[in-house]
């Protein structure tokens, strides 16, 4: 009986009363990448395609569907903002390069979303 309690006591001492953090889902790296791509599209779409899709709304819906904890929510929002800021530093108007980037980002977003769905959807 005492031997059975020893491993649990050791774990409790090592954790030191710290809260146990949730484990990220297996698709977290792809979801963070998708968030960054959506942030980039959020910047480029109004620049190159007036009246285009509102990628911030799409991101909000994605977060709502995934229902992440606060830590993951912050990381997803951070990835979205990093994607936005990366393109905001490069472009002030729609150039051929910006349009090409937008086309590639749209393809990347579609591929990543399909990959996540194919591998992890219930």
PDB file of N, CA and C in Angstrom:
ATOM      1  N   UNK A   1       0.827  -1.189   0.000  1.00  0.00           N
ATOM      2  CA  UNK A   1       0.000   0.000   0.000  1.00  0.00           C
ATOM      3  C   UNK A   1       0.873   1.255   0.000  1.00  0.00           C
ATOM      4  N   UNK A   2       1.903   1.270   0.847  1.00  0.00           N
ATOM      5  CA  UNK A   2       2.776   2.433   0.926  1.00  0.00           C
ATOM      6  C   UNK A   2       3.526   2.625  -0.391  1.00  0.00           C
ATOM      7  N   UNK A   3       3.919   1.527  -1.045  1.00  0.00           N
ATOM      8  CA  UNK A   3       4.620   1.628  -2.322  1.00  0.00           C
ATOM      9  C   UNK A   3       3.728   2.242  -3.396  1.00  0.00           C
ATOM     10  N   UNK A   4       2.450   1.977  -3.351  1.00  0.00           N
ATOM     11  CA  UNK A   4       1.522   2.527  -4.343  1.00  0.00           C
ATOM     12  C   UNK A   4       1.360   4.037  -4.165  1.00  0.00           C
ATOM     13  N   UNK A   5       1.477   4.524  -2.953  1.00  0.00           N
ATOM     14  CA  UNK A   5       1.333   5.950  -2.691  1.00  0.00           C
ATOM     15  C   UNK A   5       2.583   6.741  -3.052  1.00  0.00           C
ATOM     16  N   UNK A   6       3.718   6.095  -3.060  1.00  0.00           N
ATOM     17  CA  UNK A   6       4.982   6.785  -3.324  1.00  0.00           C
ATOM     18  C   UNK A   6       5.007   7.469  -4.691  1.00  0.00           C
ATOM     19  N   UNK A   7       4.622   6.804  -5.801  1.00  0.00           N
ATOM     20  CA  UNK A   7       4.633   7.503  -7.095  1.00  0.00           C
ATOM     21  C   UNK A   7       3.689   8.704  -7.131  1.00  0.00           C
ATOM     22  N   UNK A   8       2.519   8.575  -6.515  1.00  0.00           N
ATOM     23  CA  UNK A   8       1.575   9.693  -6.501  1.00  0.00           C
ATOM     24  C   UNK A   8       2.122  10.845  -5.669  1.00  0.00           C
ATOM     25  N   UNK A   9       2.755  10.546  -4.554  1.00  0.00           N
ATOM     26  CA  UNK A   9       3.342  11.572  -3.709  1.00  0.00           C
ATOM     27  C   UNK A   9       4.482  12.270  -4.448  1.00  0.00           C
ATOM     28  N   UNK A  10       5.292  11.512  -5.160  1.00  0.00           N
ATOM     29  CA  UNK A  10       6.395  12.074  -5.929  1.00  0.00           C
ATOM     30  C   UNK A  10       5.878  13.029  -7.002  1.00  0.00           C
ATOM     31  N   UNK A  11       4.832  12.640  -7.700  1.00  0.00           N
ATOM     32  CA  UNK A  11       4.234  13.501  -8.722  1.00  0.00           C
ATOM     33  C   UNK A  11       3.703  14.782  -8.077  1.00  0.00           C
ATOM     34  N   UNK A  12       3.039  14.667  -6.963  1.00  0.00           N
ATOM     35  CA  UNK A  12       2.488  15.840  -6.276  1.00  0.00           C
ATOM     36  C   UNK A  12       3.597  16.794  -5.836  1.00  0.00           C
ATOM     37  N   UNK A  13       4.698  16.256  -5.342  1.00  0.00           N
ATOM     38  CA  UNK A  13       5.815  17.097  -4.907  1.00  0.00           C
ATOM     39  C   UNK A  13       6.456  17.778  -6.119  1.00  0.00           C
ATOM     40  N   UNK A  14       6.654  17.038  -7.200  1.00  0.00           N
ATOM     41  CA  UNK A  14       7.274  17.610  -8.392  1.00  0.00           C
ATOM     42  C   UNK A  14       6.418  18.714  -9.008  1.00  0.00           C
ATOM     43  N   UNK A  15       5.111  18.528  -8.991  1.00  0.00           N
ATOM     44  CA  UNK A  15       4.233  19.557  -9.544  1.00  0.00           C
ATOM     45  C   UNK A  15       4.148  20.763  -8.624  1.00  0.00           C
ATOM     46  N   UNK A  16       4.373  20.548  -7.354  1.00  0.00           N
ATOM     47  CA  UNK A  16       4.414  21.650  -6.406  1.00  0.00           C
ATOM     48  C   UNK A  16       3.145  22.480  -6.361  1.00  0.00           C
ATOM     49  N   UNK A  17       2.012  21.885  -6.603  1.00  0.00           N
ATOM     50  CA  UNK A  17       0.764  22.618  -6.543  1.00  0.00           C
ATOM     51  C   UNK A  17       0.484  23.453  -7.780  1.00  0.00           C
ATOM     52  N   UNK A  18       1.340  23.344  -8.784  1.00  0.00           N
ATOM     53  CA  UNK A  18       1.098  24.099 -10.019  1.00  0.00           C
ATOM     54  C   UNK A  18      -0.047  23.468 -10.790  1.00  0.00           C
ATOM     55  N   UNK A  19      -0.820  24.285 -11.489  1.00  0.00           N
ATOM     56  CA  UNK A  19      -1.921  23.724 -12.269  1.00  0.00           C
ATOM     57  C   UNK A  19      -1.379  22.906 -13.440  1.00  0.00           C
ATOM     58  N   UNK A  20      -2.093  21.874 -13.769  1.00  0.00           N
ATOM     59  CA  UNK A  20      -1.727  21.033 -14.894  1.00  0.00           C
ATOM     60  C   UNK A  20      -2.253  21.705 -16.162  1.00  0.00           C
ATOM     61  N   UNK A  21      -1.387  21.883 -17.149  1.00  0.00           N
ATOM     62  CA  UNK A  21      -1.790  22.520 -18.393  1.00  0.00           C
ATOM     63  C   UNK A  21      -2.404  21.494 -19.338  1.00  0.00           C
ATOM     64  N   UNK A  22      -3.358  21.956 -20.110  1.00  0.00           N
ATOM     65  CA  UNK A  22      -4.001  21.081 -21.080  1.00  0.00           C
ATOM     66  C   UNK A  22      -3.008  20.724 -22.175  1.00  0.00           C
ATOM     67  N   UNK A  23      -3.199  19.571 -22.761  1.00  0.00           N
ATOM     68  CA  UNK A  23      -2.358  19.121 -23.858  1.00  0.00           C
ATOM     69  C   UNK A  23      -2.974  19.627 -25.156  1.00  0.00           C
ATOM     70  N   UNK A  24      -2.138  20.194 -26.015  1.00  0.00           N
ATOM     71  CA  UNK A  24      -2.621  20.681 -27.306  1.00  0.00           C
ATOM     72  C   UNK A  24      -3.093  19.516 -28.159  1.00  0.00           C
ATOM     73  N   UNK A  25      -4.116  19.750 -28.983  1.00  0.00           N
ATOM     74  CA  UNK A  25      -4.524  18.698 -29.915  1.00  0.00           C
ATOM     75  C   UNK A  25      -3.421  18.470 -30.949  1.00  0.00           C
ATOM     76  N   UNK A  26      -3.434  17.310 -31.560  1.00  0.00           N
ATOM     77  CA  UNK A  26      -2.407  16.965 -32.544  1.00  0.00           C
ATOM     78  C   UNK A  26      -2.364  17.923 -33.725  1.00  0.00           C
ATOM     79  N   UNK A  27      -3.484  18.552 -34.043  1.00  0.00           N
ATOM     80  CA  UNK A  27      -3.553  19.446 -35.199  1.00  0.00           C
ATOM     81  C   UNK A  27      -3.157  20.886 -34.864  1.00  0.00           C
ATOM     82  N   UNK A  28      -2.683  21.131 -33.658  1.00  0.00           N
ATOM     83  CA  UNK A  28      -2.371  22.503 -33.242  1.00  0.00           C
ATOM     84  C   UNK A  28      -1.374  23.207 -34.167  1.00  0.00           C
ATOM     85  N   UNK A  29      -0.282  22.573 -34.579  1.00  0.00           N
ATOM     86  CA  UNK A  29       0.637  23.286 -35.479  1.00  0.00           C
ATOM     87  C   UNK A  29      -0.036  23.710 -36.789  1.00  0.00           C
ATOM     88  N   UNK A  30      -0.857  22.837 -37.349  1.00  0.00           N
ATOM     89  CA  UNK A  30      -1.560  23.187 -38.597  1.00  0.00           C
ATOM     90  C   UNK A  30      -2.574  24.297 -38.347  1.00  0.00           C
ATOM     91  N   UNK A  31      -3.240  24.273 -37.198  1.00  0.00           N
ATOM     92  CA  UNK A  31      -4.237  25.298 -36.897  1.00  0.00           C
ATOM     93  C   UNK A  31      -3.564  26.663 -36.674  1.00  0.00           C
ATOM     94  N   UNK A  32      -2.414  26.667 -36.042  1.00  0.00           N
ATOM     95  CA  UNK A  32      -1.686  27.923 -35.867  1.00  0.00           C
ATOM     96  C   UNK A  32      -1.202  28.449 -37.222  1.00  0.00           C
ATOM     97  N   UNK A  33      -0.764  27.539 -38.090  1.00  0.00           N
ATOM     98  CA  UNK A  33      -0.353  27.950 -39.440  1.00  0.00           C
ATOM     99  C   UNK A  33      -1.549  28.535 -40.194  1.00  0.00           C
ATOM    100  N   UNK A  34      -2.688  27.860 -40.117  1.00  0.00           N
ATOM    101  CA  UNK A  34      -3.893  28.350 -40.781  1.00  0.00           C
ATOM    102  C   UNK A  34      -4.284  29.720 -40.229  1.00  0.00           C
ATOM    103  N   UNK A  35      -4.152  29.911 -38.937  1.00  0.00           N
ATOM    104  CA  UNK A  35      -4.458  31.206 -38.322  1.00  0.00           C
ATOM    105  C   UNK A  35      -3.563  32.305 -38.879  1.00  0.00           C
ATOM    106  N   UNK A  36      -2.284  31.989 -39.040  1.00  0.00           N
ATOM    107  CA  UNK A  36      -1.354  32.974 -39.593  1.00  0.00           C
ATOM    108  C   UNK A  36      -1.714  33.305 -41.044  1.00  0.00           C
ATOM    109  N   UNK A  37      -2.067  32.300 -41.815  1.00  0.00           N
ATOM    110  CA  UNK A  37      -2.469  32.519 -43.210  1.00  0.00           C
ATOM    111  C   UNK A  37      -3.724  33.384 -43.267  1.00  0.00           C
ATOM    112  N   UNK A  38      -4.694  33.111 -42.400  1.00  0.00           N
ATOM    113  CA  UNK A  38      -5.922  33.910 -42.383  1.00  0.00           C
ATOM    114  C   UNK A  38      -5.634  35.361 -42.010  1.00  0.00           C
ATOM    115  N   UNK A  39      -4.684  35.576 -41.100  1.00  0.00           N
ATOM    116  CA  UNK A  39      -4.286  36.939 -40.762  1.00  0.00           C
ATOM    117  C   UNK A  39      -3.670  37.658 -41.953  1.00  0.00           C
ATOM    118  N   UNK A  40      -2.858  36.944 -42.717  1.00  0.00           N
ATOM    119  CA  UNK A  40      -2.258  37.517 -43.924  1.00  0.00           C
ATOM    120  C   UNK A  40      -3.336  37.867 -44.938  1.00  0.00           C
ATOM    121  N   UNK A  41      -4.286  36.966 -45.103  1.00  0.00           N
ATOM    122  CA  UNK A  41      -5.389  37.224 -46.035  1.00  0.00           C
ATOM    123  C   UNK A  41      -6.247  38.386 -45.557  1.00  0.00           C
ATOM    124  N   UNK A  42      -6.388  38.523 -44.243  1.00  0.00           N
ATOM    125  CA  UNK A  42      -7.170  39.635 -43.698  1.00  0.00           C
ATOM    126  C   UNK A  42      -6.558  40.974 -44.087  1.00  0.00           C
ATOM    127  N   UNK A  43      -5.234  41.010 -44.180  1.00  0.00           N
ATOM    128  CA  UNK A  43      -4.594  42.243 -44.622  1.00  0.00           C
ATOM    129  C   UNK A  43      -4.688  42.410 -46.146  1.00  0.00           C
ATOM    130  N   UNK A  44      -4.395  41.365 -46.883  1.00  0.00           N
ATOM    131  CA  UNK A  44      -4.277  41.479 -48.345  1.00  0.00           C
ATOM    132  C   UNK A  44      -5.613  41.601 -49.073  1.00  0.00           C
ATOM    133  N   UNK A  45      -6.649  40.967 -48.577  1.00  0.00           N
ATOM    134  CA  UNK A  45      -7.920  40.955 -49.305  1.00  0.00           C
ATOM    135  C   UNK A  45      -8.488  42.356 -49.538  1.00  0.00           C
ATOM    136  N   UNK A  46      -8.617  43.203 -48.531  1.00  0.00           N
ATOM    137  CA  UNK A  46      -9.137  44.546 -48.812  1.00  0.00           C
ATOM    138  C   UNK A  46      -8.202  45.358 -49.717  1.00  0.00           C
ATOM    139  N   UNK A  47      -6.933  45.040 -49.661  1.00  0.00           N
ATOM    140  CA  UNK A  47      -5.951  45.746 -50.465  1.00  0.00           C
ATOM    141  C   UNK A  47      -6.095  45.384 -51.946  1.00  0.00           C
ATOM    142  N   UNK A  48      -6.362  44.115 -52.229  1.00  0.00           N
ATOM    143  CA  UNK A  48      -6.370  43.629 -53.613  1.00  0.00           C
ATOM    144  C   UNK A  48      -7.738  43.213 -54.141  1.00  0.00           C
ATOM    145  N   UNK A  49      -8.707  43.092 -53.271  1.00  0.00           N
ATOM    146  CA  UNK A  49     -10.010  42.591 -53.716  1.00  0.00           C
ATOM    147  C   UNK A  49     -11.104  43.243 -52.862  1.00  0.00           C
ATOM    148  N   UNK A  50     -11.519  44.426 -53.254  1.00  0.00           N
ATOM    149  CA  UNK A  50     -12.549  45.144 -52.500  1.00  0.00           C
ATOM    150  C   UNK A  50     -13.810  44.284 -52.379  1.00  0.00           C
ATOM    151  N   UNK A  51     -14.380  44.288 -51.186  1.00  0.00           N
ATOM    152  CA  UNK A  51     -15.603  43.519 -50.968  1.00  0.00           C
ATOM    153  C   UNK A  51     -15.366  42.029 -50.816  1.00  0.00           C
ATOM    154  N   UNK A  52     -14.117  41.635 -50.626  1.00  0.00           N
ATOM    155  CA  UNK A  52     -13.797  40.216 -50.462  1.00  0.00           C
ATOM    156  C   UNK A  52     -14.230  39.687 -49.105  1.00  0.00           C
ATOM    157  N   UNK A  53     -13.904  38.460 -48.864  1.00  0.00           N
ATOM    158  CA  UNK A  53     -14.269  37.771 -47.626  1.00  0.00           C
ATOM    159  C   UNK A  53     -13.609  38.448 -46.421  1.00  0.00           C
ATOM    160  N   UNK A  54     -14.320  38.495 -45.314  1.00  0.00           N
ATOM    161  CA  UNK A  54     -13.781  39.043 -44.072  1.00  0.00           C
ATOM    162  C   UNK A  54     -13.128  37.888 -43.302  1.00  0.00           C
ATOM    163  N   UNK A  55     -11.814  37.799 -43.407  1.00  0.00           N
ATOM    164  CA  UNK A  55     -11.089  36.679 -42.812  1.00  0.00           C
ATOM    165  C   UNK A  55     -11.050  36.752 -41.295  1.00  0.00           C
ATOM    166  N   UNK A  56     -11.265  37.921 -40.723  1.00  0.00           N
ATOM    167  CA  UNK A  56     -11.335  38.026 -39.261  1.00  0.00           C
ATOM    168  C   UNK A  56     -12.582  37.305 -38.747  1.00  0.00           C
ATOM    169  N   UNK A  57     -13.686  37.448 -39.475  1.00  0.00           N
ATOM    170  CA  UNK A  57     -14.912  36.737 -39.101  1.00  0.00           C
ATOM    171  C   UNK A  57     -14.697  35.227 -39.233  1.00  0.00           C
ATOM    172  N   UNK A  58     -14.034  34.825 -40.319  1.00  0.00           N
ATOM    173  CA  UNK A  58     -13.739  33.400 -40.511  1.00  0.00           C
ATOM    174  C   UNK A  58     -12.884  32.873 -39.357  1.00  0.00           C
ATOM    175  N   UNK A  59     -11.913  33.657 -38.931  1.00  0.00           N
ATOM    176  CA  UNK A  59     -11.044  33.260 -37.824  1.00  0.00           C
ATOM    177  C   UNK A  59     -11.844  33.156 -36.534  1.00  0.00           C
ATOM    178  N   UNK A  60     -12.717  34.103 -36.296  1.00  0.00           N
ATOM    179  CA  UNK A  60     -13.561  34.059 -35.093  1.00  0.00           C
ATOM    180  C   UNK A  60     -14.424  32.808 -35.078  1.00  0.00           C
ATOM    181  N   UNK A  61     -14.982  32.458 -36.216  1.00  0.00           N
ATOM    182  CA  UNK A  61     -15.804  31.251 -36.309  1.00  0.00           C
ATOM    183  C   UNK A  61     -14.969  29.994 -36.094  1.00  0.00           C
ATOM    184  N   UNK A  62     -13.761  29.991 -36.633  1.00  0.00           N
ATOM    185  CA  UNK A  62     -12.865  28.854 -36.450  1.00  0.00           C
ATOM    186  C   UNK A  62     -12.535  28.662 -34.980  1.00  0.00           C
ATOM    187  N   UNK A  63     -12.238  29.752 -34.295  1.00  0.00           N
ATOM    188  CA  UNK A  63     -11.938  29.671 -32.862  1.00  0.00           C
ATOM    189  C   UNK A  63     -13.163  29.196 -32.089  1.00  0.00           C
ATOM    190  N   UNK A  64     -14.323  29.703 -32.441  1.00  0.00           N
ATOM    191  CA  UNK A  64     -15.551  29.285 -31.748  1.00  0.00           C
ATOM    192  C   UNK A  64     -15.806  27.794 -31.939  1.00  0.00           C
ATOM    193  N   UNK A  65     -15.564  27.287 -33.142  1.00  0.00           N
ATOM    194  CA  UNK A  65     -15.778  25.862 -33.406  1.00  0.00           C
ATOM    195  C   UNK A  65     -14.774  24.991 -32.662  1.00  0.00           C
ATOM    196  N   UNK A  66     -13.548  25.455 -32.565  1.00  0.00           N
ATOM    197  CA  UNK A  66     -12.509  24.665 -31.912  1.00  0.00           C
ATOM    198  C   UNK A  66     -12.620  24.737 -30.393  1.00  0.00           C
ATOM    199  N   UNK A  67     -13.173  25.840 -29.872  1.00  0.00           N
ATOM    200  CA  UNK A  67     -13.350  26.049 -28.424  1.00  0.00           C
ATOM    201  C   UNK A  67     -12.061  25.809 -27.643  1.00  0.00           C
ATOM    202  N   UNK A  68     -10.983  26.557 -27.978  1.00  0.00           N
ATOM    203  CA  UNK A  68      -9.715  26.342 -27.277  1.00  0.00           C
ATOM    204  C   UNK A  68      -9.724  26.951 -25.879  1.00  0.00           C
ATOM    205  N   UNK A  69      -8.791  26.475 -25.054  1.00  0.00           N
ATOM    206  CA  UNK A  69      -8.624  27.115 -23.749  1.00  0.00           C
ATOM    207  C   UNK A  69      -7.968  28.481 -23.972  1.00  0.00           C
ATOM    208  N   UNK A  70      -7.820  29.253 -22.907  1.00  0.00           N
ATOM    209  CA  UNK A  70      -7.306  30.625 -23.041  1.00  0.00           C
ATOM    210  C   UNK A  70      -5.909  30.675 -23.646  1.00  0.00           C
ATOM    211  N   UNK A  71      -5.047  29.753 -23.242  1.00  0.00           N
ATOM    212  CA  UNK A  71      -3.686  29.731 -23.771  1.00  0.00           C
ATOM    213  C   UNK A  71      -3.681  29.500 -25.281  1.00  0.00           C
ATOM    214  N   UNK A  72      -4.423  28.513 -25.734  1.00  0.00           N
ATOM    215  CA  UNK A  72      -4.484  28.223 -27.171  1.00  0.00           C
ATOM    216  C   UNK A  72      -5.162  29.363 -27.921  1.00  0.00           C
ATOM    217  N   UNK A  73      -6.189  29.940 -27.338  1.00  0.00           N
ATOM    218  CA  UNK A  73      -6.883  31.074 -27.973  1.00  0.00           C
ATOM    219  C   UNK A  73      -5.898  32.221 -28.203  1.00  0.00           C
ATOM    220  N   UNK A  74      -5.063  32.490 -27.205  1.00  0.00           N
ATOM    221  CA  UNK A  74      -4.069  33.555 -27.329  1.00  0.00           C
ATOM    222  C   UNK A  74      -3.040  33.225 -28.424  1.00  0.00           C
ATOM    223  N   UNK A  75      -2.617  31.975 -28.497  1.00  0.00           N
ATOM    224  CA  UNK A  75      -1.648  31.588 -29.526  1.00  0.00           C
ATOM    225  C   UNK A  75      -2.242  31.678 -30.919  1.00  0.00           C
ATOM    226  N   UNK A  76      -3.508  31.283 -31.057  1.00  0.00           N
ATOM    227  CA  UNK A  76      -4.163  31.375 -32.369  1.00  0.00           C
ATOM    228  C   UNK A  76      -4.341  32.830 -32.779  1.00  0.00           C
ATOM    229  N   UNK A  77      -4.758  33.666 -31.842  1.00  0.00           N
ATOM    230  CA  UNK A  77      -4.903  35.098 -32.138  1.00  0.00           C
ATOM    231  C   UNK A  77      -3.537  35.712 -32.447  1.00  0.00           C
ATOM    232  N   UNK A  78      -2.506  35.297 -31.734  1.00  0.00           N
ATOM    233  CA  UNK A  78      -1.162  35.791 -31.992  1.00  0.00           C
ATOM    234  C   UNK A  78      -0.666  35.405 -33.374  1.00  0.00           C
ATOM    235  N   UNK A  79      -0.960  34.182 -33.796  1.00  0.00           N
ATOM    236  CA  UNK A  79      -0.564  33.734 -35.135  1.00  0.00           C
ATOM    237  C   UNK A  79      -1.307  34.550 -36.196  1.00  0.00           C
ATOM    238  N   UNK A  80      -2.592  34.794 -35.980  1.00  0.00           N
ATOM    239  CA  UNK A  80      -3.384  35.612 -36.903  1.00  0.00           C
ATOM    240  C   UNK A  80      -2.774  37.010 -37.014  1.00  0.00           C
ATOM    241  N   UNK A  81      -2.472  37.615 -35.870  1.00  0.00           N
ATOM    242  CA  UNK A  81      -1.896  38.958 -35.865  1.00  0.00           C
ATOM    243  C   UNK A  81      -0.509  38.989 -36.506  1.00  0.00           C
ATOM    244  N   UNK A  82       0.282  37.945 -36.301  1.00  0.00           N
ATOM    245  CA  UNK A  82       1.614  37.881 -36.910  1.00  0.00           C
ATOM    246  C   UNK A  82       1.500  37.819 -38.434  1.00  0.00           C
ATOM    247  N   UNK A  83       0.528  37.056 -38.933  1.00  0.00           N
ATOM    248  CA  UNK A  83       0.309  36.993 -40.373  1.00  0.00           C
ATOM    249  C   UNK A  83      -0.102  38.340 -40.937  1.00  0.00           C
ATOM    250  N   UNK A  84      -0.974  39.025 -40.238  1.00  0.00           N
ATOM    251  CA  UNK A  84      -1.409  40.361 -40.656  1.00  0.00           C
ATOM    252  C   UNK A  84      -0.216  41.312 -40.700  1.00  0.00           C
ATOM    253  N   UNK A  85       0.534  41.350 -39.618  1.00  0.00           N
ATOM    254  CA  UNK A  85       1.645  42.292 -39.502  1.00  0.00           C
ATOM    255  C   UNK A  85       2.748  42.021 -40.524  1.00  0.00           C
ATOM    256  N   UNK A  86       2.976  40.760 -40.844  1.00  0.00           N
ATOM    257  CA  UNK A  86       4.025  40.424 -41.808  1.00  0.00           C
ATOM    258  C   UNK A  86       3.748  41.073 -43.164  1.00  0.00           C
ATOM    259  N   UNK A  87       2.501  41.019 -43.608  1.00  0.00           N
ATOM    260  CA  UNK A  87       2.168  41.609 -44.905  1.00  0.00           C
ATOM    261  C   UNK A  87       1.951  43.112 -44.812  1.00  0.00           C
ATOM    262  N   UNK A  88       1.546  43.596 -43.655  1.00  0.00           N
ATOM    263  CA  UNK A  88       1.376  45.039 -43.481  1.00  0.00           C
ATOM    264  C   UNK A  88       2.720  45.762 -43.585  1.00  0.00           C
ATOM    265  N   UNK A  89       3.795  45.084 -43.215  1.00  0.00           N
ATOM    266  CA  UNK A  89       5.128  45.676 -43.339  1.00  0.00           C
ATOM    267  C   UNK A  89       5.601  45.717 -44.791  1.00  0.00           C
ATOM    268  N   UNK A  90       5.054  44.828 -45.635  1.00  0.00           N
ATOM    269  CA  UNK A  90       5.527  44.714 -47.016  1.00  0.00           C
ATOM    270  C   UNK A  90       4.740  45.544 -48.020  1.00  0.00           C
ATOM    271  N   UNK A  91       3.445  45.681 -47.812  1.00  0.00           N
ATOM    272  CA  UNK A  91       2.589  46.261 -48.852  1.00  0.00           C
ATOM    273  C   UNK A  91       1.779  47.447 -48.339  1.00  0.00           C
ATOM    274  N   UNK A  92       1.653  48.443 -49.205  1.00  0.00           N
ATOM    275  CA  UNK A  92       0.776  49.583 -48.954  1.00  0.00           C
ATOM    276  C   UNK A  92      -0.310  49.662 -50.022  1.00  0.00           C
ATOM    277  N   UNK A  93      -0.072  48.971 -51.113  1.00  0.00           N
ATOM    278  CA  UNK A  93      -1.046  48.917 -52.211  1.00  0.00           C
ATOM    279  C   UNK A  93      -0.952  47.539 -52.851  1.00  0.00           C
ATOM    280  N   UNK A  94      -1.958  47.202 -53.620  1.00  0.00           N
ATOM    281  CA  UNK A  94      -1.967  45.897 -54.271  1.00  0.00           C
ATOM    282  C   UNK A  94      -1.033  45.934 -55.482  1.00  0.00           C
ATOM    283  N   UNK A  95       0.004  45.155 -55.393  1.00  0.00           N
ATOM    284  CA  UNK A  95       0.949  45.014 -56.493  1.00  0.00           C
ATOM    285  C   UNK A  95       0.773  43.616 -57.080  1.00  0.00           C
ATOM    286  N   UNK A  96       1.469  43.348 -58.136  1.00  0.00           N
ATOM    287  CA  UNK A  96       1.417  42.001 -58.716  1.00  0.00           C
ATOM    288  C   UNK A  96       1.914  40.972 -57.703  1.00  0.00           C
ATOM    289  N   UNK A  97       2.947  41.353 -56.962  1.00  0.00           N
ATOM    290  CA  UNK A  97       3.486  40.470 -55.930  1.00  0.00           C
ATOM    291  C   UNK A  97       2.459  40.216 -54.816  1.00  0.00           C
ATOM    292  N   UNK A  98       1.752  41.240 -54.395  1.00  0.00           N
ATOM    293  CA  UNK A  98       0.730  41.086 -53.362  1.00  0.00           C
ATOM    294  C   UNK A  98      -0.405  40.193 -53.860  1.00  0.00           C
ATOM    295  N   UNK A  99      -0.795  40.381 -55.103  1.00  0.00           N
ATOM    296  CA  UNK A  99      -1.856  39.557 -55.674  1.00  0.00           C
ATOM    297  C   UNK A  99      -1.411  38.092 -55.768  1.00  0.00           C
ATOM    298  N   UNK A 100      -0.168  37.873 -56.174  1.00  0.00           N
ATOM    299  CA  UNK A 100       0.371  36.508 -56.239  1.00  0.00           C
ATOM    300  C   UNK A 100       0.418  35.890 -54.847  1.00  0.00           C
ATOM    301  N   UNK A 101       0.861  36.672 -53.864  1.00  0.00           N
ATOM    302  CA  UNK A 101       0.904  36.176 -52.490  1.00  0.00           C
ATOM    303  C   UNK A 101      -0.490  35.790 -52.015  1.00  0.00           C
ATOM    304  N   UNK A 102      -1.466  36.610 -52.326  1.00  0.00           N
ATOM    305  CA  UNK A 102      -2.839  36.325 -51.920  1.00  0.00           C
ATOM    306  C   UNK A 102      -3.337  35.025 -52.551  1.00  0.00           C
ATOM    307  N   UNK A 103      -3.050  34.829 -53.808  1.00  0.00           N
ATOM    308  CA  UNK A 103      -3.448  33.600 -54.496  1.00  0.00           C
ATOM    309  C   UNK A 103      -2.813  32.381 -53.839  1.00  0.00           C
ATOM    310  N   UNK A 104      -1.529  32.481 -53.522  1.00  0.00           N
ATOM    311  CA  UNK A 104      -0.828  31.363 -52.869  1.00  0.00           C
ATOM    312  C   UNK A 104      -1.360  31.123 -51.462  1.00  0.00           C
ATOM    313  N   UNK A 105      -1.650  32.195 -50.743  1.00  0.00           N
ATOM    314  CA  UNK A 105      -2.191  32.057 -49.391  1.00  0.00           C
ATOM    315  C   UNK A 105      -3.569  31.407 -49.402  1.00  0.00           C
ATOM    316  N   UNK A 106      -4.392  31.762 -50.369  1.00  0.00           N
ATOM    317  CA  UNK A 106      -5.719  31.133 -50.479  1.00  0.00           C
ATOM    318  C   UNK A 106      -5.578  29.631 -50.707  1.00  0.00           C
ATOM    319  N   UNK A 107      -4.657  29.252 -51.587  1.00  0.00           N
ATOM    320  CA  UNK A 107      -4.432  27.824 -51.851  1.00  0.00           C
ATOM    321  C   UNK A 107      -3.890  27.131 -50.604  1.00  0.00           C
ATOM    322  N   UNK A 108      -2.985  27.791 -49.896  1.00  0.00           N
ATOM    323  CA  UNK A 108      -2.413  27.234 -48.670  1.00  0.00           C
ATOM    324  C   UNK A 108      -3.497  27.054 -47.612  1.00  0.00           C
ATOM    325  N   UNK A 109      -4.356  28.059 -47.448  1.00  0.00           N
ATOM    326  CA  UNK A 109      -5.437  27.967 -46.459  1.00  0.00           C
ATOM    327  C   UNK A 109      -6.372  26.810 -46.786  1.00  0.00           C
ATOM    328  N   UNK A 110      -6.731  26.684 -48.046  1.00  0.00           N
ATOM    329  CA  UNK A 110      -7.624  25.594 -48.442  1.00  0.00           C
ATOM    330  C   UNK A 110      -6.973  24.238 -48.200  1.00  0.00           C
ATOM    331  N   UNK A 111      -5.717  24.108 -48.588  1.00  0.00           N
ATOM    332  CA  UNK A 111      -5.003  22.839 -48.402  1.00  0.00           C
ATOM    333  C   UNK A 111      -4.887  22.492 -46.914  1.00  0.00           C
ATOM    334  N   UNK A 112      -4.511  23.470 -46.094  1.00  0.00           N
ATOM    335  CA  UNK A 112      -4.336  23.231 -44.659  1.00  0.00           C
ATOM    336  C   UNK A 112      -5.666  22.870 -43.998  1.00  0.00           C
ATOM    337  N   UNK A 113      -6.725  23.588 -44.347  1.00  0.00           N
ATOM    338  CA  UNK A 113      -8.048  23.297 -43.769  1.00  0.00           C
ATOM    339  C   UNK A 113      -8.512  21.895 -44.160  1.00  0.00           C
ATOM    340  N   UNK A 114      -8.312  21.533 -45.406  1.00  0.00           N
ATOM    341  CA  UNK A 114      -8.705  20.184 -45.855  1.00  0.00           C
ATOM    342  C   UNK A 114      -7.878  19.109 -45.159  1.00  0.00           C
ATOM    343  N   UNK A 115      -6.591  19.383 -44.985  1.00  0.00           N
ATOM    344  CA  UNK A 115      -5.708  18.427 -44.316  1.00  0.00           C
ATOM    345  C   UNK A 115      -6.137  18.210 -42.870  1.00  0.00           C
ATOM    346  N   UNK A 116      -6.422  19.291 -42.160  1.00  0.00           N
ATOM    347  CA  UNK A 116      -6.882  19.171 -40.773  1.00  0.00           C
ATOM    348  C   UNK A 116      -8.186  18.367 -40.732  1.00  0.00           C
ATOM    349  N   UNK A 117      -9.105  18.706 -41.600  1.00  0.00           N
ATOM    350  CA  UNK A 117     -10.399  18.022 -41.629  1.00  0.00           C
ATOM    351  C   UNK A 117     -10.226  16.538 -41.959  1.00  0.00           C
ATOM    352  N   UNK A 118      -9.402  16.242 -42.953  1.00  0.00           N
ATOM    353  CA  UNK A 118      -9.220  14.851 -43.378  1.00  0.00           C
ATOM    354  C   UNK A 118      -8.590  13.988 -42.291  1.00  0.00           C
ATOM    355  N   UNK A 119      -7.684  14.566 -41.513  1.00  0.00           N
ATOM    356  CA  UNK A 119      -6.978  13.777 -40.523  1.00  0.00           C
ATOM    357  C   UNK A 119      -7.594  13.786 -39.124  1.00  0.00           C
ATOM    358  N   UNK A 120      -8.347  14.836 -38.798  1.00  0.00           N
ATOM    359  CA  UNK A 120      -8.768  14.985 -37.413  1.00  0.00           C
ATOM    360  C   UNK A 120     -10.265  15.160 -37.196  1.00  0.00           C
ATOM    361  N   UNK A 121     -11.052  15.308 -38.249  1.00  0.00           N
ATOM    362  CA  UNK A 121     -12.501  15.487 -38.052  1.00  0.00           C
ATOM    363  C   UNK A 121     -13.122  14.177 -37.582  1.00  0.00           C
ATOM    364  N   UNK A 122     -14.134  14.323 -36.787  1.00  0.00           N
ATOM    365  CA  UNK A 122     -14.819  13.130 -36.251  1.00  0.00           C
ATOM    366  C   UNK A 122     -15.817  12.610 -37.236  1.00  0.00           C
TER     367      UNK A 122
END
